[in-house]
Amino acid sequence: MKKTEQMDGRKEAIMEAAYSLFGTVGYARTSMKDIAAKAGVAQGLIGYYFGTKENLLVQVVREWMINRGMAESSSQLKGMTENKDIISNAIQHVVTFRRNNPEWFTLLISLWMESRKNPDLEKEFEAIYSEMKLGVLQVINGLETTLEQVEKESLASIVQAVIDGLTLQAMSKEQDMLRFQENCINGMEWLFKGSQKKL
């Protein structure tokens, strides 16, 4: 195995371990020692790759939210043209991603909580959330609509808040996931229809 491949493998193992522990035990209760043990690496290697525990949290959140979640969503929606299909498939992706990655929302909440105490983390959180909003806006831009761009941006903020709020309400049980999906689809369609009417 080449040295760069070994290094990349260890970095990936650290991120996977941090994702698992931050998402289940919680950020505050997870130590660098715990992460190193779960990843099977020396603790100093975490500092080498990520510097601090806070930076590791940011990198893990970015990886699962942006690099995986949003990238998968964009890929699944390619070629869809019907509003109903785009909305239902976008929500289906959120539900499936949440089911397959139950730790992801805990990660986002952890980053939000830590960002309240740390101005640097606050900037990172805002940057990640802005990227997530751009992902929602990309979906809205794919819909057939008469909305102006500024109205689409407002709708993206509302949709993002609806998804976050409904995620907090949904538990991990399958029936709750199905209710979450149905509520999201109905809510998105209702928001979209309402946004088409001028006051």
C-alpha atoms as a PDB file:
ATOM      1  CA  MET A   1       0.000   0.000   0.000  1.00  0.00           C
ATOM      2  CA  LYS A   2       1.354   3.433  -0.927  1.00  0.00           C
ATOM      3  CA  LYS A   3       2.072   5.891   1.896  1.00  0.00           C
ATOM      4  CA  THR A   4      -0.516   8.422   0.629  1.00  0.00           C
ATOM      5  CA  GLU A   5      -3.191   5.712   0.461  1.00  0.00           C
ATOM      6  CA  GLN A   6      -2.359   4.629   4.016  1.00  0.00           C
ATOM      7  CA  MET A   7      -2.563   8.246   5.204  1.00  0.00           C
ATOM      8  CA  ASP A   8      -5.894   8.789   3.428  1.00  0.00           C
ATOM      9  CA  GLY A   9      -7.214   5.554   4.940  1.00  0.00           C
ATOM     10  CA  ARG A  10      -6.287   6.654   8.444  1.00  0.00           C
ATOM     11  CA  LYS A  11      -7.834  10.088   7.916  1.00  0.00           C
ATOM     12  CA  GLU A  12     -11.037   8.454   6.674  1.00  0.00           C
ATOM     13  CA  ALA A  13     -11.035   6.105   9.696  1.00  0.00           C
ATOM     14  CA  ILE A  14     -10.749   9.105  12.031  1.00  0.00           C
ATOM     15  CA  MET A  15     -13.651  10.866  10.318  1.00  0.00           C
ATOM     16  CA  GLU A  16     -15.818   7.726  10.411  1.00  0.00           C
ATOM     17  CA  ALA A  17     -15.039   7.213  14.114  1.00  0.00           C
ATOM     18  CA  ALA A  18     -15.730  10.875  14.928  1.00  0.00           C
ATOM     19  CA  TYR A  19     -18.981  10.771  12.969  1.00  0.00           C
ATOM     20  CA  SER A  20     -20.132   7.697  14.867  1.00  0.00           C
ATOM     21  CA  LEU A  21     -19.135   8.977  18.313  1.00  0.00           C
ATOM     22  CA  PHE A  22     -20.234  12.602  17.879  1.00  0.00           C
ATOM     23  CA  GLY A  23     -23.548  11.387  16.509  1.00  0.00           C
ATOM     24  CA  THR A  24     -24.284   8.833  19.236  1.00  0.00           C
ATOM     25  CA  VAL A  25     -22.402   9.768  22.402  1.00  0.00           C
ATOM     26  CA  GLY A  26     -22.379  13.493  21.582  1.00  0.00           C
ATOM     27  CA  TYR A  27     -19.616  15.959  20.853  1.00  0.00           C
ATOM     28  CA  ALA A  28     -19.076  17.132  24.443  1.00  0.00           C
ATOM     29  CA  ARG A  29     -18.805  13.585  25.806  1.00  0.00           C
ATOM     30  CA  THR A  30     -16.459  12.330  23.084  1.00  0.00           C
ATOM     31  CA  SER A  31     -12.728  12.677  23.687  1.00  0.00           C
ATOM     32  CA  MET A  32      -9.909  12.621  21.168  1.00  0.00           C
ATOM     33  CA  LYS A  33      -8.745   9.458  22.948  1.00  0.00           C
ATOM     34  CA  ASP A  34     -12.138   7.821  22.265  1.00  0.00           C
ATOM     35  CA  ILE A  35     -11.948   8.754  18.579  1.00  0.00           C
ATOM     36  CA  ALA A  36      -8.387   7.455  18.253  1.00  0.00           C
ATOM     37  CA  ALA A  37      -9.322   4.148  19.899  1.00  0.00           C
ATOM     38  CA  LYS A  38     -12.370   3.659  17.651  1.00  0.00           C
ATOM     39  CA  ALA A  39     -10.368   4.594  14.538  1.00  0.00           C
ATOM     40  CA  GLY A  40      -7.435   2.379  15.542  1.00  0.00           C
ATOM     41  CA  VAL A  41      -4.881   5.193  15.229  1.00  0.00           C
ATOM     42  CA  ALA A  42      -2.539   7.089  17.535  1.00  0.00           C
ATOM     43  CA  GLN A  43      -4.209  10.110  19.164  1.00  0.00           C
ATOM     44  CA  GLY A  44      -1.519  12.452  17.834  1.00  0.00           C
ATOM     45  CA  LEU A  45      -2.578  11.579  14.286  1.00  0.00           C
ATOM     46  CA  ILE A  46      -5.915  13.335  14.850  1.00  0.00           C
ATOM     47  CA  GLY A  47      -4.061  16.539  15.672  1.00  0.00           C
ATOM     48  CA  TYR A  48      -1.852  16.053  12.634  1.00  0.00           C
ATOM     49  CA  TYR A  49      -4.795  15.781  10.254  1.00  0.00           C
ATOM     50  CA  PHE A  50      -7.367  18.047  11.903  1.00  0.00           C
ATOM     51  CA  GLY A  51      -5.610  20.223  14.488  1.00  0.00           C
ATOM     52  CA  THR A  52      -8.409  20.463  17.034  1.00  0.00           C
ATOM     53  CA  LYS A  53     -11.520  18.568  18.033  1.00  0.00           C
ATOM     54  CA  GLU A  54     -13.586  21.573  16.885  1.00  0.00           C
ATOM     55  CA  ASN A  55     -12.017  21.487  13.437  1.00  0.00           C
ATOM     56  CA  LEU A  56     -12.647  17.748  13.239  1.00  0.00           C
ATOM     57  CA  LEU A  57     -16.332  18.394  14.018  1.00  0.00           C
ATOM     58  CA  VAL A  58     -16.519  20.970  11.210  1.00  0.00           C
ATOM     59  CA  GLN A  59     -14.862  18.601   8.731  1.00  0.00           C
ATOM     60  CA  VAL A  60     -17.157  15.724   9.694  1.00  0.00           C
ATOM     61  CA  VAL A  61     -20.296  17.891   9.392  1.00  0.00           C
ATOM     62  CA  ARG A  62     -19.129  19.233   6.030  1.00  0.00           C
ATOM     63  CA  GLU A  63     -18.378  15.731   4.759  1.00  0.00           C
ATOM     64  CA  TRP A  64     -21.762  14.258   5.673  1.00  0.00           C
ATOM     65  CA  MET A  65     -23.946  17.299   4.982  1.00  0.00           C
ATOM     66  CA  ILE A  66     -22.336  18.786   1.888  1.00  0.00           C
ATOM     67  CA  ASN A  67     -20.043  16.237   0.244  1.00  0.00           C
ATOM     68  CA  ARG A  68     -22.349  13.269   0.738  1.00  0.00           C
ATOM     69  CA  GLY A  69     -25.921  14.410   1.439  1.00  0.00           C
ATOM     70  CA  MET A  70     -26.190  17.313  -0.993  1.00  0.00           C
ATOM     71  CA  ALA A  71     -24.106  15.622  -3.684  1.00  0.00           C
ATOM     72  CA  GLU A  72     -26.339  12.531  -3.580  1.00  0.00           C
ATOM     73  CA  SER A  73     -29.479  14.684  -3.714  1.00  0.00           C
ATOM     74  CA  SER A  74     -28.279  16.630  -6.765  1.00  0.00           C
ATOM     75  CA  SER A  75     -27.407  13.395  -8.528  1.00  0.00           C
ATOM     76  CA  GLN A  76     -30.837  11.845  -7.857  1.00  0.00           C
ATOM     77  CA  LEU A  77     -32.779  14.868  -9.102  1.00  0.00           C
ATOM     78  CA  LYS A  78     -30.962  15.176 -12.445  1.00  0.00           C
ATOM     79  CA  GLY A  79     -33.303  15.001 -15.398  1.00  0.00           C
ATOM     80  CA  MET A  80     -36.526  15.464 -13.401  1.00  0.00           C
ATOM     81  CA  THR A  81     -38.841  18.172 -14.747  1.00  0.00           C
ATOM     82  CA  GLU A  82     -42.208  17.759 -12.984  1.00  0.00           C
ATOM     83  CA  ASN A  83     -42.615  19.849  -9.823  1.00  0.00           C
ATOM     84  CA  LYS A  84     -44.330  17.040  -7.913  1.00  0.00           C
ATOM     85  CA  ASP A  85     -41.559  14.571  -8.816  1.00  0.00           C
ATOM     86  CA  ILE A  86     -38.801  16.997  -7.837  1.00  0.00           C
ATOM     87  CA  ILE A  87     -40.431  17.815  -4.480  1.00  0.00           C
ATOM     88  CA  SER A  88     -41.280  14.218  -3.548  1.00  0.00           C
ATOM     89  CA  ASN A  89     -37.870  12.874  -4.622  1.00  0.00           C
ATOM     90  CA  ALA A  90     -36.004  15.643  -2.785  1.00  0.00           C
ATOM     91  CA  ILE A  91     -37.923  14.844   0.408  1.00  0.00           C
ATOM     92  CA  GLN A  92     -37.495  11.102  -0.141  1.00  0.00           C
ATOM     93  CA  HIS A  93     -33.755  11.704  -0.302  1.00  0.00           C
ATOM     94  CA  VAL A  94     -33.797  13.611   3.016  1.00  0.00           C
ATOM     95  CA  VAL A  95     -35.782  10.817   4.692  1.00  0.00           C
ATOM     96  CA  THR A  96     -33.592   8.040   3.277  1.00  0.00           C
ATOM     97  CA  PHE A  97     -30.382   9.893   4.103  1.00  0.00           C
ATOM     98  CA  ARG A  98     -31.620  10.518   7.648  1.00  0.00           C
ATOM     99  CA  ARG A  99     -32.593   6.843   8.044  1.00  0.00           C
ATOM    100  CA  ASN A 100     -29.223   5.622   6.747  1.00  0.00           C
ATOM    101  CA  ASN A 101     -27.236   8.262   8.674  1.00  0.00           C
ATOM    102  CA  PRO A 102     -29.066   8.735  11.987  1.00  0.00           C
ATOM    103  CA  GLU A 103     -26.139  10.662  13.452  1.00  0.00           C
ATOM    104  CA  TRP A 104     -26.167  13.523  10.926  1.00  0.00           C
ATOM    105  CA  PHE A 105     -28.717  15.772  12.623  1.00  0.00           C
ATOM    106  CA  THR A 106     -27.002  15.305  15.992  1.00  0.00           C
ATOM    107  CA  LEU A 107     -23.823  16.496  14.284  1.00  0.00           C
ATOM    108  CA  LEU A 108     -25.518  19.626  13.003  1.00  0.00           C
ATOM    109  CA  ILE A 109     -26.986  20.379  16.440  1.00  0.00           C
ATOM    110  CA  SER A 110     -23.565  19.762  18.027  1.00  0.00           C
ATOM    111  CA  LEU A 111     -21.920  22.217  15.658  1.00  0.00           C
ATOM    112  CA  TRP A 112     -24.667  24.774  16.316  1.00  0.00           C
ATOM    113  CA  MET A 113     -24.263  24.424  20.095  1.00  0.00           C
ATOM    114  CA  GLU A 114     -20.485  24.711  19.961  1.00  0.00           C
ATOM    115  CA  SER A 115     -20.714  27.686  17.586  1.00  0.00           C
ATOM    116  CA  ARG A 116     -22.626  29.664  20.224  1.00  0.00           C
ATOM    117  CA  LYS A 117     -19.431  29.675  22.323  1.00  0.00           C
ATOM    118  CA  ASN A 118     -16.816  30.016  19.589  1.00  0.00           C
ATOM    119  CA  PRO A 119     -16.804  32.832  16.975  1.00  0.00           C
ATOM    120  CA  ASP A 120     -14.633  30.814  14.564  1.00  0.00           C
ATOM    121  CA  LEU A 121     -17.021  27.866  14.731  1.00  0.00           C
ATOM    122  CA  GLU A 122     -19.933  30.264  14.287  1.00  0.00           C
ATOM    123  CA  LYS A 123     -18.459  31.341  10.939  1.00  0.00           C
ATOM    124  CA  GLU A 124     -17.979  27.712   9.926  1.00  0.00           C
ATOM    125  CA  PHE A 125     -21.561  26.868  10.907  1.00  0.00           C
ATOM    126  CA  GLU A 126     -22.905  29.835   8.922  1.00  0.00           C
ATOM    127  CA  ALA A 127     -20.833  28.805   5.895  1.00  0.00           C
ATOM    128  CA  ILE A 128     -22.108  25.207   6.011  1.00  0.00           C
ATOM    129  CA  TYR A 129     -25.688  26.351   6.494  1.00  0.00           C
ATOM    130  CA  SER A 130     -25.340  28.759   3.568  1.00  0.00           C
ATOM    131  CA  GLU A 131     -24.140  25.892   1.378  1.00  0.00           C
ATOM    132  CA  MET A 132     -27.081  23.780   2.504  1.00  0.00           C
ATOM    133  CA  LYS A 133     -29.448  26.640   1.657  1.00  0.00           C
ATOM    134  CA  LEU A 134     -27.869  26.849  -1.796  1.00  0.00           C
ATOM    135  CA  GLY A 135     -28.660  23.155  -2.213  1.00  0.00           C
ATOM    136  CA  VAL A 136     -32.330  23.792  -1.355  1.00  0.00           C
ATOM    137  CA  LEU A 137     -32.321  26.798  -3.700  1.00  0.00           C
ATOM    138  CA  GLN A 138     -30.939  24.607  -6.479  1.00  0.00           C
ATOM    139  CA  VAL A 139     -33.960  22.308  -6.063  1.00  0.00           C
ATOM    140  CA  ILE A 140     -36.342  25.293  -6.085  1.00  0.00           C
ATOM    141  CA  ASN A 141     -34.628  26.676  -9.195  1.00  0.00           C
ATOM    142  CA  GLY A 142     -35.429  23.362 -10.892  1.00  0.00           C
ATOM    143  CA  LEU A 143     -39.158  23.864 -10.309  1.00  0.00           C
ATOM    144  CA  GLU A 144     -41.438  25.467 -12.857  1.00  0.00           C
ATOM    145  CA  THR A 145     -42.358  28.727 -11.176  1.00  0.00           C
ATOM    146  CA  THR A 146     -43.048  32.430 -11.700  1.00  0.00           C
ATOM    147  CA  LEU A 147     -41.164  33.454  -8.556  1.00  0.00           C
ATOM    148  CA  GLU A 148     -38.486  36.123  -8.682  1.00  0.00           C
ATOM    149  CA  GLN A 149     -35.005  35.064  -7.501  1.00  0.00           C
ATOM    150  CA  VAL A 150     -35.311  36.951  -4.203  1.00  0.00           C
ATOM    151  CA  GLU A 151     -38.615  35.153  -3.561  1.00  0.00           C
ATOM    152  CA  LYS A 152     -36.984  31.806  -4.319  1.00  0.00           C
ATOM    153  CA  GLU A 153     -34.262  32.602  -1.794  1.00  0.00           C
ATOM    154  CA  SER A 154     -36.877  33.388   0.855  1.00  0.00           C
ATOM    155  CA  LEU A 155     -38.718  30.172   0.044  1.00  0.00           C
ATOM    156  CA  ALA A 156     -35.434  28.226   0.341  1.00  0.00           C
ATOM    157  CA  SER A 157     -34.959  29.586   3.879  1.00  0.00           C
ATOM    158  CA  ILE A 158     -38.494  28.551   4.831  1.00  0.00           C
ATOM    159  CA  VAL A 159     -38.126  25.084   3.292  1.00  0.00           C
ATOM    160  CA  GLN A 160     -34.851  24.575   5.140  1.00  0.00           C
ATOM    161  CA  ALA A 161     -36.511  25.577   8.421  1.00  0.00           C
ATOM    162  CA  VAL A 162     -39.443  23.214   7.744  1.00  0.00           C
ATOM    163  CA  ILE A 163     -37.097  20.285   7.099  1.00  0.00           C
ATOM    164  CA  ASP A 164     -35.065  21.070  10.222  1.00  0.00           C
ATOM    165  CA  GLY A 165     -38.201  21.393  12.346  1.00  0.00           C
ATOM    166  CA  LEU A 166     -39.781  18.209  11.054  1.00  0.00           C
ATOM    167  CA  THR A 167     -36.489  16.368  11.532  1.00  0.00           C
ATOM    168  CA  LEU A 168     -36.562  17.317  15.209  1.00  0.00           C
ATOM    169  CA  GLN A 169     -40.124  15.981  15.457  1.00  0.00           C
ATOM    170  CA  ALA A 170     -39.391  12.644  13.791  1.00  0.00           C
ATOM    171  CA  MET A 171     -38.091   9.733  15.811  1.00  0.00           C
ATOM    172  CA  SER A 172     -36.125   6.819  14.401  1.00  0.00           C
ATOM    173  CA  LYS A 173     -39.093   4.438  14.183  1.00  0.00           C
ATOM    174  CA  GLU A 174     -40.178   3.553  10.654  1.00  0.00           C
ATOM    175  CA  GLN A 175     -43.741   4.858  11.155  1.00  0.00           C
ATOM    176  CA  ASP A 176     -42.361   8.211  12.315  1.00  0.00           C
ATOM    177  CA  MET A 177     -40.078   8.354   9.285  1.00  0.00           C
ATOM    178  CA  LEU A 178     -43.033   7.761   6.980  1.00  0.00           C
ATOM    179  CA  ARG A 179     -45.040  10.459   8.769  1.00  0.00           C
ATOM    180  CA  PHE A 180     -42.022  12.781   8.513  1.00  0.00           C
ATOM    181  CA  GLN A 181     -41.803  12.133   4.766  1.00  0.00           C
ATOM    182  CA  GLU A 182     -45.528  12.675   4.226  1.00  0.00           C
ATOM    183  CA  ASN A 183     -45.532  15.872   6.315  1.00  0.00           C
ATOM    184  CA  CYS A 184     -42.522  17.223   4.436  1.00  0.00           C
ATOM    185  CA  ILE A 185     -43.991  16.513   0.996  1.00  0.00           C
ATOM    186  CA  ASN A 186     -47.372  17.992   1.935  1.00  0.00           C
ATOM    187  CA  GLY A 187     -45.723  20.998   3.571  1.00  0.00           C
ATOM    188  CA  MET A 188     -43.430  21.644   0.614  1.00  0.00           C
ATOM    189  CA  GLU A 189     -46.287  21.399  -1.877  1.00  0.00           C
ATOM    190  CA  TRP A 190     -48.433  23.690   0.281  1.00  0.00           C
ATOM    191  CA  LEU A 191     -45.590  26.218   0.618  1.00  0.00           C
ATOM    192  CA  PHE A 192     -44.889  26.097  -3.083  1.00  0.00           C
ATOM    193  CA  LYS A 193     -48.519  26.563  -4.094  1.00  0.00           C
ATOM    194  CA  GLY A 194     -48.912  29.423  -1.610  1.00  0.00           C
ATOM    195  CA  SER A 195     -45.766  31.107  -2.884  1.00  0.00           C
ATOM    196  CA  GLN A 196     -47.204  31.206  -6.396  1.00  0.00           C
ATOM    197  CA  LYS A 197     -50.051  33.468  -5.281  1.00  0.00           C
ATOM    198  CA  LYS A 198     -49.260  37.157  -5.079  1.00  0.00           C
ATOM    199  CA  LEU A 199     -50.586  38.985  -2.037  1.00  0.00           C
END
